[in-house]
Amino acid sequence: MMKLKSNQTRTYDGDGYKKRAACLCFRSESEEEVLLVSSSRHPDKWIVPGGGMEPEEEPNVAAAREVCEEAGVKGTLGRLVGVFEVSVRSHLPLSSPKSFLTASSLQNQERKHRTYVYVLIVTEVLDDWEDLVSIGRKREWFKIDDAVQLLQCHKPVQATYFEALQESCLTSNGTPLVATIGGDLSPTYSINQSSVSGIR
């Protein structure tokens, strides 16, 4: 399923999750420093670069494209850290009259997205990139602990990517982790190959 947005096409999988891809961009293979970018909605906050997948686009291709657009870096795409499923139900304000509660408005109150998160070892840092020119997006290198601390304040789901990164290093068979994150934002990790191959 696709849904047009003014500046992009949103794509959804068969379960109704918005399809997204992102990268943990490391300065080197030692994975000690990670690149974060400023949020487009909150420029004083930091986020992991990533975004929506285009129609017919594979997750790894989308991840590399999004990182180039948002962070202005290219590199060697590495392992899949995990697939993060987030479902957050928003509550309508108490002042909303019941007559406005339709099936479509209730459906719009639930935000669901499924994000494939990869490791990318940066090999090229561009001087100018799409989001710098269009919205003035910033980028900055952080030590892992500092990045996690910043993300926990603004994007706690993205902070869990680093927990899964540690877990993915412990799995010996290369099967990616699936993290399901509910309304309380606490992740539940499971290893599930079928959820990876079933999303196109």
N, C-alpha and C. Protein backbone atom coordinates (compact mmCIF):
# COMPACT_ATOMS: atom_id res chain seq x y z
N MET A 1 0.85 -1.18 0.00
CA MET A 1 0.00 0.00 0.00
C MET A 1 0.89 1.24 0.00
N MET A 2 0.45 2.29 -0.70
CA MET A 2 1.18 3.55 -0.74
C MET A 2 0.25 4.68 -0.34
N LYS A 3 0.82 5.71 0.25
CA LYS A 3 0.08 6.90 0.62
C LYS A 3 0.93 8.09 0.23
N LEU A 4 0.38 9.00 -0.54
CA LEU A 4 1.15 10.16 -0.99
C LEU A 4 1.17 11.23 0.09
N LYS A 5 2.35 11.76 0.34
CA LYS A 5 2.56 12.88 1.23
C LYS A 5 3.08 14.00 0.34
N SER A 6 2.98 15.23 0.74
CA SER A 6 3.33 16.34 -0.15
C SER A 6 4.74 16.22 -0.72
N ASN A 7 5.70 15.75 0.06
CA ASN A 7 7.07 15.69 -0.43
C ASN A 7 7.60 14.28 -0.60
N GLN A 8 6.79 13.26 -0.39
CA GLN A 8 7.27 11.89 -0.52
C GLN A 8 6.11 10.92 -0.63
N THR A 9 6.41 9.70 -1.01
CA THR A 9 5.42 8.63 -1.05
C THR A 9 5.69 7.73 0.15
N ARG A 10 4.69 7.54 0.98
CA ARG A 10 4.83 6.62 2.11
C ARG A 10 4.46 5.23 1.64
N THR A 11 5.26 4.26 2.03
CA THR A 11 4.93 2.88 1.68
C THR A 11 4.68 2.09 2.96
N TYR A 12 3.73 1.17 2.86
CA TYR A 12 3.31 0.36 4.00
C TYR A 12 3.40 -1.11 3.65
N ASP A 13 3.69 -1.93 4.64
CA ASP A 13 3.71 -3.37 4.41
C ASP A 13 2.30 -3.93 4.62
N GLY A 14 2.16 -5.23 4.46
CA GLY A 14 0.86 -5.88 4.56
C GLY A 14 0.22 -5.80 5.93
N ASP A 15 1.03 -5.50 6.98
CA ASP A 15 0.50 -5.38 8.34
C ASP A 15 0.13 -3.94 8.68
N GLY A 16 0.27 -3.00 7.72
CA GLY A 16 -0.07 -1.61 7.96
C GLY A 16 1.04 -0.78 8.60
N TYR A 17 2.25 -1.32 8.65
CA TYR A 17 3.38 -0.59 9.19
C TYR A 17 4.04 0.25 8.10
N LYS A 18 4.37 1.50 8.41
CA LYS A 18 5.14 2.32 7.48
C LYS A 18 6.52 1.70 7.37
N LYS A 19 7.01 1.53 6.15
CA LYS A 19 8.31 0.91 5.91
C LYS A 19 9.41 1.97 5.97
N ARG A 20 10.39 1.75 6.86
CA ARG A 20 11.49 2.69 7.07
C ARG A 20 12.82 1.95 7.08
N ALA A 21 13.91 2.71 6.90
CA ALA A 21 15.25 2.16 6.99
C ALA A 21 16.18 3.22 7.56
N ALA A 22 17.19 2.79 8.31
CA ALA A 22 18.11 3.72 8.96
C ALA A 22 19.47 3.05 9.09
N CYS A 23 20.48 3.86 9.41
CA CYS A 23 21.83 3.33 9.63
C CYS A 23 22.44 3.93 10.89
N LEU A 24 23.15 3.08 11.62
CA LEU A 24 24.07 3.54 12.65
C LEU A 24 25.38 3.76 11.90
N CYS A 25 25.73 5.03 11.68
CA CYS A 25 26.89 5.40 10.86
C CYS A 25 28.11 5.56 11.77
N PHE A 26 29.07 4.66 11.61
CA PHE A 26 30.26 4.69 12.46
C PHE A 26 31.44 5.28 11.70
N ARG A 27 32.28 6.00 12.45
CA ARG A 27 33.46 6.64 11.87
C ARG A 27 34.47 5.60 11.39
N SER A 28 34.53 4.46 12.10
CA SER A 28 35.47 3.40 11.74
C SER A 28 34.89 2.05 12.16
N GLU A 29 35.58 0.99 11.80
CA GLU A 29 35.12 -0.36 12.13
C GLU A 29 35.16 -0.66 13.62
N SER A 30 35.85 0.18 14.39
CA SER A 30 35.87 -0.03 15.84
C SER A 30 34.51 0.31 16.48
N GLU A 31 33.65 1.00 15.73
CA GLU A 31 32.29 1.34 16.16
C GLU A 31 32.27 2.08 17.51
N GLU A 32 33.20 3.00 17.67
CA GLU A 32 33.27 3.78 18.91
C GLU A 32 32.59 5.13 18.80
N GLU A 33 32.49 5.68 17.58
CA GLU A 33 31.83 6.96 17.37
C GLU A 33 30.76 6.81 16.31
N VAL A 34 29.60 7.40 16.57
CA VAL A 34 28.46 7.30 15.67
C VAL A 34 28.03 8.70 15.25
N LEU A 35 27.54 8.80 14.03
CA LEU A 35 27.10 10.09 13.49
C LEU A 35 25.60 10.25 13.71
N LEU A 36 25.21 11.34 14.33
CA LEU A 36 23.80 11.69 14.48
C LEU A 36 23.53 12.97 13.69
N VAL A 37 22.27 13.18 13.34
CA VAL A 37 21.86 14.38 12.62
C VAL A 37 20.80 15.12 13.43
N SER A 38 20.67 16.41 13.16
CA SER A 38 19.65 17.19 13.84
C SER A 38 18.27 16.83 13.29
N SER A 39 17.30 16.85 14.16
CA SER A 39 15.92 16.55 13.78
C SER A 39 15.36 17.68 12.92
N SER A 40 14.59 17.34 11.90
CA SER A 40 13.98 18.38 11.07
C SER A 40 12.87 19.11 11.82
N ARG A 41 12.20 18.43 12.74
CA ARG A 41 11.12 19.05 13.51
C ARG A 41 11.64 19.81 14.74
N HIS A 42 12.73 19.31 15.32
CA HIS A 42 13.31 19.90 16.53
C HIS A 42 14.82 20.04 16.30
N PRO A 43 15.27 21.11 15.63
CA PRO A 43 16.68 21.22 15.22
C PRO A 43 17.70 21.17 16.35
N ASP A 44 17.26 21.36 17.59
CA ASP A 44 18.19 21.28 18.72
C ASP A 44 18.31 19.86 19.27
N LYS A 45 17.61 18.90 18.68
CA LYS A 45 17.65 17.50 19.10
C LYS A 45 18.38 16.66 18.05
N TRP A 46 18.93 15.52 18.49
CA TRP A 46 19.70 14.65 17.62
C TRP A 46 18.97 13.34 17.38
N ILE A 47 19.10 12.80 16.15
CA ILE A 47 18.44 11.55 15.77
C ILE A 47 19.39 10.69 14.93
N VAL A 48 19.02 9.43 14.77
CA VAL A 48 19.72 8.51 13.87
C VAL A 48 19.19 8.78 12.46
N PRO A 49 20.07 8.96 11.46
CA PRO A 49 19.57 9.22 10.11
C PRO A 49 18.83 8.02 9.53
N GLY A 50 17.68 8.31 8.94
CA GLY A 50 16.86 7.27 8.34
C GLY A 50 15.54 7.86 7.89
N GLY A 51 14.76 7.07 7.17
CA GLY A 51 13.47 7.57 6.71
C GLY A 51 12.70 6.51 5.97
N GLY A 52 11.65 6.96 5.31
CA GLY A 52 10.73 6.06 4.63
C GLY A 52 11.33 5.43 3.39
N MET A 53 10.88 4.21 3.13
CA MET A 53 11.30 3.48 1.93
C MET A 53 10.42 3.89 0.77
N GLU A 54 11.02 3.94 -0.41
CA GLU A 54 10.27 4.25 -1.62
C GLU A 54 9.65 2.96 -2.17
N PRO A 55 8.62 3.09 -3.01
CA PRO A 55 8.00 1.89 -3.58
C PRO A 55 9.03 1.00 -4.27
N GLU A 56 8.93 -0.29 -4.02
CA GLU A 56 9.80 -1.31 -4.62
C GLU A 56 11.26 -1.23 -4.19
N GLU A 57 11.59 -0.39 -3.20
CA GLU A 57 12.96 -0.23 -2.75
C GLU A 57 13.28 -1.25 -1.66
N GLU A 58 14.44 -1.88 -1.76
CA GLU A 58 14.88 -2.81 -0.74
C GLU A 58 15.36 -2.03 0.49
N PRO A 59 15.23 -2.61 1.69
CA PRO A 59 15.61 -1.89 2.91
C PRO A 59 17.07 -1.42 2.93
N ASN A 60 18.00 -2.25 2.46
CA ASN A 60 19.41 -1.84 2.49
C ASN A 60 19.68 -0.67 1.55
N VAL A 61 19.01 -0.64 0.41
CA VAL A 61 19.16 0.46 -0.55
C VAL A 61 18.57 1.74 0.05
N ALA A 62 17.40 1.62 0.68
CA ALA A 62 16.76 2.77 1.31
C ALA A 62 17.63 3.34 2.43
N ALA A 63 18.24 2.46 3.22
CA ALA A 63 19.08 2.91 4.33
C ALA A 63 20.26 3.73 3.81
N ALA A 64 20.95 3.24 2.79
CA ALA A 64 22.09 3.96 2.23
C ALA A 64 21.65 5.29 1.61
N ARG A 65 20.51 5.31 0.91
CA ARG A 65 20.00 6.54 0.31
C ARG A 65 19.65 7.57 1.38
N GLU A 66 18.93 7.14 2.41
CA GLU A 66 18.51 8.06 3.46
C GLU A 66 19.71 8.68 4.18
N VAL A 67 20.74 7.89 4.43
CA VAL A 67 21.93 8.38 5.12
C VAL A 67 22.65 9.43 4.27
N CYS A 68 22.71 9.19 2.98
CA CYS A 68 23.34 10.17 2.09
C CYS A 68 22.53 11.46 2.07
N GLU A 69 21.20 11.36 1.99
CA GLU A 69 20.33 12.54 1.97
C GLU A 69 20.38 13.31 3.28
N GLU A 70 20.26 12.60 4.41
CA GLU A 70 20.14 13.26 5.71
C GLU A 70 21.46 13.64 6.35
N ALA A 71 22.49 12.79 6.19
CA ALA A 71 23.76 13.02 6.88
C ALA A 71 24.91 13.38 5.95
N GLY A 72 24.73 13.21 4.65
CA GLY A 72 25.79 13.55 3.72
C GLY A 72 27.00 12.65 3.84
N VAL A 73 26.76 11.37 4.08
CA VAL A 73 27.86 10.40 4.15
C VAL A 73 27.55 9.20 3.28
N LYS A 74 28.64 8.56 2.82
CA LYS A 74 28.56 7.31 2.08
C LYS A 74 29.50 6.35 2.76
N GLY A 75 29.30 5.06 2.52
CA GLY A 75 30.18 4.11 3.17
C GLY A 75 29.88 2.68 2.80
N THR A 76 30.42 1.80 3.61
CA THR A 76 30.24 0.36 3.42
C THR A 76 29.10 -0.10 4.32
N LEU A 77 28.04 -0.58 3.69
CA LEU A 77 26.88 -1.06 4.44
C LEU A 77 27.21 -2.42 5.03
N GLY A 78 27.02 -2.54 6.32
CA GLY A 78 27.35 -3.78 7.02
C GLY A 78 26.11 -4.55 7.42
N ARG A 79 26.18 -5.16 8.57
CA ARG A 79 25.15 -6.08 9.03
C ARG A 79 23.84 -5.37 9.39
N LEU A 80 22.78 -6.13 9.31
CA LEU A 80 21.47 -5.68 9.77
C LEU A 80 21.45 -5.83 11.28
N VAL A 81 21.28 -4.72 11.99
CA VAL A 81 21.24 -4.73 13.45
C VAL A 81 19.94 -5.34 13.93
N GLY A 82 18.84 -4.98 13.27
CA GLY A 82 17.55 -5.49 13.67
C GLY A 82 16.43 -4.80 12.93
N VAL A 83 15.24 -5.30 13.13
CA VAL A 83 14.03 -4.71 12.57
C VAL A 83 13.20 -4.25 13.77
N PHE A 84 12.89 -2.97 13.81
CA PHE A 84 12.24 -2.38 14.96
C PHE A 84 10.80 -2.03 14.60
N GLU A 85 9.87 -2.66 15.30
CA GLU A 85 8.45 -2.42 15.09
C GLU A 85 7.93 -1.53 16.20
N VAL A 86 7.36 -0.41 15.82
CA VAL A 86 6.84 0.53 16.81
C VAL A 86 5.37 0.78 16.51
N SER A 87 4.57 0.68 17.54
CA SER A 87 3.15 0.96 17.43
C SER A 87 2.76 1.82 18.62
N VAL A 88 2.41 3.06 18.34
CA VAL A 88 2.04 4.00 19.41
C VAL A 88 0.66 4.54 19.11
N ARG A 89 -0.26 4.35 20.04
CA ARG A 89 -1.61 4.87 19.87
C ARG A 89 -1.70 6.23 20.54
N SER A 90 -2.08 7.24 19.75
CA SER A 90 -2.27 8.58 20.28
C SER A 90 -3.69 8.69 20.82
N HIS A 91 -3.84 9.52 21.83
CA HIS A 91 -5.17 9.73 22.40
C HIS A 91 -5.70 11.07 21.92
N LEU A 92 -6.98 11.08 21.55
CA LEU A 92 -7.60 12.33 21.14
C LEU A 92 -7.76 13.24 22.36
N PRO A 93 -7.70 14.56 22.16
CA PRO A 93 -7.92 15.47 23.29
C PRO A 93 -9.30 15.27 23.89
N LEU A 94 -9.41 15.48 25.20
CA LEU A 94 -10.69 15.29 25.88
C LEU A 94 -11.77 16.20 25.34
N SER A 95 -11.39 17.34 24.77
CA SER A 95 -12.38 18.28 24.27
C SER A 95 -12.95 17.89 22.91
N SER A 96 -12.46 16.83 22.30
CA SER A 96 -12.97 16.41 20.99
C SER A 96 -14.37 15.86 21.12
N PRO A 97 -15.32 16.43 20.37
CA PRO A 97 -16.68 15.88 20.42
C PRO A 97 -16.72 14.48 19.82
N LYS A 98 -17.59 13.64 20.34
CA LYS A 98 -17.69 12.26 19.88
C LYS A 98 -18.09 12.17 18.41
N SER A 99 -18.77 13.19 17.91
CA SER A 99 -19.20 13.14 16.51
C SER A 99 -18.03 13.11 15.55
N PHE A 100 -16.85 13.51 15.99
CA PHE A 100 -15.67 13.50 15.13
C PHE A 100 -14.95 12.16 15.14
N LEU A 101 -15.39 11.24 16.00
CA LEU A 101 -14.73 9.95 16.11
C LEU A 101 -15.25 9.00 15.03
N THR A 102 -14.57 8.95 13.92
CA THR A 102 -14.92 8.04 12.85
C THR A 102 -13.88 6.93 12.79
N ALA A 103 -14.18 5.89 12.05
CA ALA A 103 -13.22 4.78 11.93
C ALA A 103 -11.89 5.28 11.36
N SER A 104 -11.94 6.17 10.36
CA SER A 104 -10.69 6.65 9.77
C SER A 104 -9.91 7.54 10.73
N SER A 105 -10.61 8.34 11.53
CA SER A 105 -9.87 9.19 12.47
C SER A 105 -9.25 8.36 13.59
N LEU A 106 -9.91 7.28 13.98
CA LEU A 106 -9.32 6.41 14.99
C LEU A 106 -8.11 5.69 14.43
N GLN A 107 -8.21 5.25 13.17
CA GLN A 107 -7.08 4.57 12.55
C GLN A 107 -5.88 5.51 12.47
N ASN A 108 -6.11 6.78 12.17
CA ASN A 108 -5.03 7.74 12.06
C ASN A 108 -4.38 8.05 13.39
N GLN A 109 -5.00 7.65 14.48
CA GLN A 109 -4.43 7.92 15.79
C GLN A 109 -3.36 6.90 16.15
N GLU A 110 -3.25 5.81 15.39
CA GLU A 110 -2.23 4.81 15.68
C GLU A 110 -1.09 4.97 14.68
N ARG A 111 0.11 5.23 15.20
CA ARG A 111 1.30 5.35 14.35
C ARG A 111 2.08 4.05 14.45
N LYS A 112 2.26 3.42 13.31
CA LYS A 112 3.00 2.16 13.29
C LYS A 112 4.08 2.27 12.23
N HIS A 113 5.30 1.92 12.61
CA HIS A 113 6.35 1.83 11.60
C HIS A 113 7.30 0.70 11.93
N ARG A 114 7.88 0.17 10.87
CA ARG A 114 8.82 -0.95 10.97
C ARG A 114 10.12 -0.47 10.31
N THR A 115 11.18 -0.38 11.11
CA THR A 115 12.44 0.19 10.64
C THR A 115 13.54 -0.85 10.62
N TYR A 116 14.16 -1.00 9.47
CA TYR A 116 15.35 -1.84 9.31
C TYR A 116 16.55 -0.98 9.65
N VAL A 117 17.37 -1.43 10.58
CA VAL A 117 18.53 -0.64 11.01
C VAL A 117 19.80 -1.42 10.69
N TYR A 118 20.68 -0.76 9.92
CA TYR A 118 21.94 -1.36 9.48
C TYR A 118 23.12 -0.63 10.10
N VAL A 119 24.27 -1.27 10.06
CA VAL A 119 25.54 -0.63 10.38
C VAL A 119 26.12 -0.11 9.07
N LEU A 120 26.65 1.12 9.10
CA LEU A 120 27.34 1.68 7.95
C LEU A 120 28.68 2.22 8.44
N ILE A 121 29.78 1.77 7.83
CA ILE A 121 31.10 2.31 8.13
C ILE A 121 31.35 3.43 7.13
N VAL A 122 31.48 4.65 7.61
CA VAL A 122 31.61 5.82 6.75
C VAL A 122 32.97 5.83 6.06
N THR A 123 32.92 6.00 4.75
CA THR A 123 34.15 6.10 3.95
C THR A 123 34.27 7.45 3.26
N GLU A 124 33.15 8.19 3.17
CA GLU A 124 33.17 9.50 2.50
C GLU A 124 32.21 10.44 3.21
N VAL A 125 32.71 11.64 3.52
CA VAL A 125 31.89 12.68 4.15
C VAL A 125 31.77 13.82 3.14
N LEU A 126 30.55 14.10 2.69
CA LEU A 126 30.31 15.13 1.70
C LEU A 126 30.29 16.52 2.34
N ASP A 127 30.81 17.52 1.62
CA ASP A 127 30.78 18.89 2.12
C ASP A 127 29.37 19.47 2.05
N ASP A 128 28.66 19.16 0.99
CA ASP A 128 27.27 19.61 0.81
C ASP A 128 26.41 18.37 0.58
N TRP A 129 25.23 18.38 1.17
CA TRP A 129 24.31 17.26 0.99
C TRP A 129 22.89 17.81 1.01
N GLU A 130 21.96 16.97 0.56
CA GLU A 130 20.57 17.40 0.32
C GLU A 130 19.94 18.12 1.51
N ASP A 131 19.96 17.52 2.70
CA ASP A 131 19.27 18.12 3.85
C ASP A 131 20.01 19.32 4.44
N LEU A 132 21.30 19.44 4.21
CA LEU A 132 22.01 20.65 4.63
C LEU A 132 21.51 21.83 3.80
N VAL A 133 21.42 21.62 2.50
CA VAL A 133 21.00 22.68 1.59
C VAL A 133 19.52 23.01 1.77
N SER A 134 18.66 21.99 1.88
CA SER A 134 17.21 22.24 1.90
C SER A 134 16.68 22.69 3.26
N ILE A 135 17.20 22.12 4.37
CA ILE A 135 16.64 22.48 5.69
C ILE A 135 17.69 22.87 6.71
N GLY A 136 18.95 22.92 6.31
CA GLY A 136 20.01 23.30 7.25
C GLY A 136 20.32 22.24 8.30
N ARG A 137 20.12 20.99 7.95
CA ARG A 137 20.36 19.90 8.89
C ARG A 137 21.84 19.84 9.27
N LYS A 138 22.10 19.58 10.55
CA LYS A 138 23.47 19.46 11.06
C LYS A 138 23.80 17.99 11.29
N ARG A 139 25.08 17.70 11.39
CA ARG A 139 25.54 16.35 11.73
C ARG A 139 26.70 16.49 12.71
N GLU A 140 26.85 15.47 13.55
CA GLU A 140 27.93 15.51 14.54
C GLU A 140 28.26 14.09 15.00
N TRP A 141 29.56 13.85 15.25
CA TRP A 141 30.03 12.57 15.76
C TRP A 141 29.91 12.55 17.28
N PHE A 142 29.46 11.42 17.81
CA PHE A 142 29.32 11.24 19.25
C PHE A 142 29.90 9.90 19.67
N LYS A 143 30.45 9.86 20.88
CA LYS A 143 30.80 8.58 21.49
C LYS A 143 29.47 7.85 21.72
N ILE A 144 29.50 6.53 21.69
CA ILE A 144 28.27 5.74 21.80
C ILE A 144 27.45 6.09 23.03
N ASP A 145 28.09 6.15 24.19
CA ASP A 145 27.34 6.44 25.43
C ASP A 145 26.67 7.81 25.37
N ASP A 146 27.36 8.80 24.80
CA ASP A 146 26.79 10.14 24.68
C ASP A 146 25.60 10.13 23.71
N ALA A 147 25.74 9.40 22.61
CA ALA A 147 24.64 9.31 21.64
C ALA A 147 23.41 8.67 22.27
N VAL A 148 23.61 7.59 22.99
CA VAL A 148 22.48 6.91 23.64
C VAL A 148 21.79 7.85 24.62
N GLN A 149 22.58 8.58 25.38
CA GLN A 149 22.01 9.52 26.35
C GLN A 149 21.18 10.61 25.66
N LEU A 150 21.69 11.16 24.56
CA LEU A 150 20.93 12.17 23.81
C LEU A 150 19.64 11.59 23.23
N LEU A 151 19.73 10.40 22.67
CA LEU A 151 18.56 9.78 22.05
C LEU A 151 17.50 9.39 23.07
N GLN A 152 17.91 9.00 24.26
CA GLN A 152 16.93 8.61 25.29
C GLN A 152 16.00 9.76 25.65
N CYS A 153 16.48 10.98 25.51
CA CYS A 153 15.66 12.15 25.83
C CYS A 153 14.62 12.43 24.75
N HIS A 154 15.02 12.33 23.49
CA HIS A 154 14.15 12.75 22.39
C HIS A 154 13.58 11.59 21.58
N LYS A 155 14.38 10.58 21.34
CA LYS A 155 13.98 9.42 20.54
C LYS A 155 14.37 8.13 21.25
N PRO A 156 13.68 7.78 22.33
CA PRO A 156 14.07 6.60 23.11
C PRO A 156 14.07 5.30 22.30
N VAL A 157 13.22 5.21 21.29
CA VAL A 157 13.21 4.02 20.45
C VAL A 157 14.56 3.88 19.75
N GLN A 158 15.10 5.00 19.27
CA GLN A 158 16.38 4.95 18.58
C GLN A 158 17.52 4.60 19.53
N ALA A 159 17.40 4.94 20.79
CA ALA A 159 18.42 4.55 21.78
C ALA A 159 18.48 3.03 21.89
N THR A 160 17.34 2.36 21.68
CA THR A 160 17.33 0.89 21.77
C THR A 160 18.08 0.24 20.61
N TYR A 161 18.34 0.97 19.53
CA TYR A 161 19.12 0.41 18.43
C TYR A 161 20.49 -0.06 18.94
N PHE A 162 21.04 0.69 19.90
CA PHE A 162 22.37 0.37 20.40
C PHE A 162 22.36 -0.86 21.30
N GLU A 163 21.24 -1.07 22.01
CA GLU A 163 21.08 -2.31 22.77
C GLU A 163 21.06 -3.50 21.82
N ALA A 164 20.31 -3.35 20.73
CA ALA A 164 20.22 -4.42 19.74
C ALA A 164 21.56 -4.62 19.04
N LEU A 165 22.33 -3.55 18.87
CA LEU A 165 23.65 -3.67 18.27
C LEU A 165 24.53 -4.59 19.10
N GLN A 166 24.48 -4.41 20.41
CA GLN A 166 25.24 -5.30 21.30
C GLN A 166 24.72 -6.73 21.21
N GLU A 167 23.39 -6.88 21.18
CA GLU A 167 22.79 -8.20 21.08
C GLU A 167 23.16 -8.87 19.76
N SER A 168 23.18 -8.08 18.66
CA SER A 168 23.47 -8.66 17.35
C SER A 168 24.90 -9.16 17.28
N CYS A 169 25.78 -8.56 18.05
CA CYS A 169 27.16 -9.04 18.09
C CYS A 169 27.24 -10.39 18.79
N LEU A 170 26.24 -10.68 19.62
CA LEU A 170 26.24 -11.93 20.38
C LEU A 170 25.61 -13.10 19.62
N THR A 171 24.79 -12.79 18.59
CA THR A 171 24.18 -13.88 17.85
C THR A 171 25.20 -14.43 16.87
N SER A 172 25.35 -15.71 16.88
CA SER A 172 26.41 -16.32 16.07
C SER A 172 25.96 -16.70 14.67
N ASN A 173 24.67 -16.82 14.45
CA ASN A 173 24.22 -17.29 13.14
C ASN A 173 23.82 -16.17 12.19
N GLY A 174 23.95 -14.89 12.59
CA GLY A 174 23.66 -13.78 11.70
C GLY A 174 22.19 -13.50 11.51
N THR A 175 21.31 -14.16 12.25
CA THR A 175 19.88 -13.91 12.14
C THR A 175 19.56 -12.58 12.82
N PRO A 176 18.90 -11.65 12.11
CA PRO A 176 18.65 -10.34 12.71
C PRO A 176 17.63 -10.39 13.83
N LEU A 177 17.74 -9.44 14.72
CA LEU A 177 16.79 -9.31 15.81
C LEU A 177 15.58 -8.53 15.36
N VAL A 178 14.43 -8.85 15.93
CA VAL A 178 13.24 -8.06 15.74
C VAL A 178 12.89 -7.49 17.10
N ALA A 179 12.80 -6.17 17.17
CA ALA A 179 12.43 -5.52 18.43
C ALA A 179 11.02 -4.96 18.26
N THR A 180 10.13 -5.37 19.11
CA THR A 180 8.77 -4.85 19.11
C THR A 180 8.66 -3.87 20.27
N ILE A 181 8.26 -2.65 19.95
CA ILE A 181 8.23 -1.59 20.96
C ILE A 181 6.80 -1.07 21.03
N GLY A 182 6.22 -1.18 22.20
CA GLY A 182 4.83 -0.76 22.38
C GLY A 182 4.72 0.64 22.93
N GLY A 183 3.57 0.97 23.44
CA GLY A 183 3.29 2.31 23.95
C GLY A 183 4.20 2.73 25.08
N ASP A 184 4.71 1.79 25.88
CA ASP A 184 5.58 2.16 26.99
C ASP A 184 7.04 2.30 26.54
N LEU A 185 7.31 2.09 25.24
CA LEU A 185 8.63 2.25 24.64
C LEU A 185 9.69 1.31 25.19
N SER A 186 9.26 0.20 25.79
CA SER A 186 10.25 -0.77 26.25
C SER A 186 10.34 -1.88 25.19
N PRO A 187 11.55 -2.18 24.72
CA PRO A 187 11.69 -3.14 23.64
C PRO A 187 11.60 -4.58 24.11
N THR A 188 11.06 -5.42 23.25
CA THR A 188 11.10 -6.86 23.43
C THR A 188 11.80 -7.41 22.22
N TYR A 189 12.91 -8.11 22.42
CA TYR A 189 13.69 -8.62 21.30
C TYR A 189 13.36 -10.07 21.03
N SER A 190 13.30 -10.41 19.76
CA SER A 190 13.15 -11.82 19.38
C SER A 190 13.89 -12.02 18.07
N ILE A 191 14.29 -13.23 17.83
CA ILE A 191 14.94 -13.55 16.57
C ILE A 191 13.89 -14.18 15.68
N ASN A 192 13.64 -13.55 14.53
CA ASN A 192 12.54 -13.98 13.68
C ASN A 192 12.89 -13.73 12.23
N GLN A 193 13.35 -14.72 11.55
CA GLN A 193 13.75 -14.57 10.15
C GLN A 193 12.56 -14.29 9.24
N SER A 194 11.39 -14.83 9.55
CA SER A 194 10.25 -14.70 8.65
C SER A 194 9.79 -13.25 8.52
N SER A 195 9.90 -12.45 9.58
CA SER A 195 9.45 -11.07 9.47
C SER A 195 10.36 -10.26 8.57
N VAL A 196 11.59 -10.70 8.38
CA VAL A 196 12.51 -9.98 7.51
C VAL A 196 12.19 -10.32 6.05
N SER A 197 12.02 -11.57 5.75
CA SER A 197 11.79 -11.96 4.36
C SER A 197 10.38 -11.63 3.88
N GLY A 198 9.44 -11.45 4.80
CA GLY A 198 8.06 -11.19 4.42
C GLY A 198 7.76 -9.75 4.09
N ILE A 199 8.71 -8.84 4.25
CA ILE A 199 8.46 -7.43 3.99
C ILE A 199 9.19 -7.05 2.72
N ARG A 200 8.46 -6.55 1.77
CA ARG A 200 9.05 -6.12 0.49
C ARG A 200 8.54 -4.76 0.11
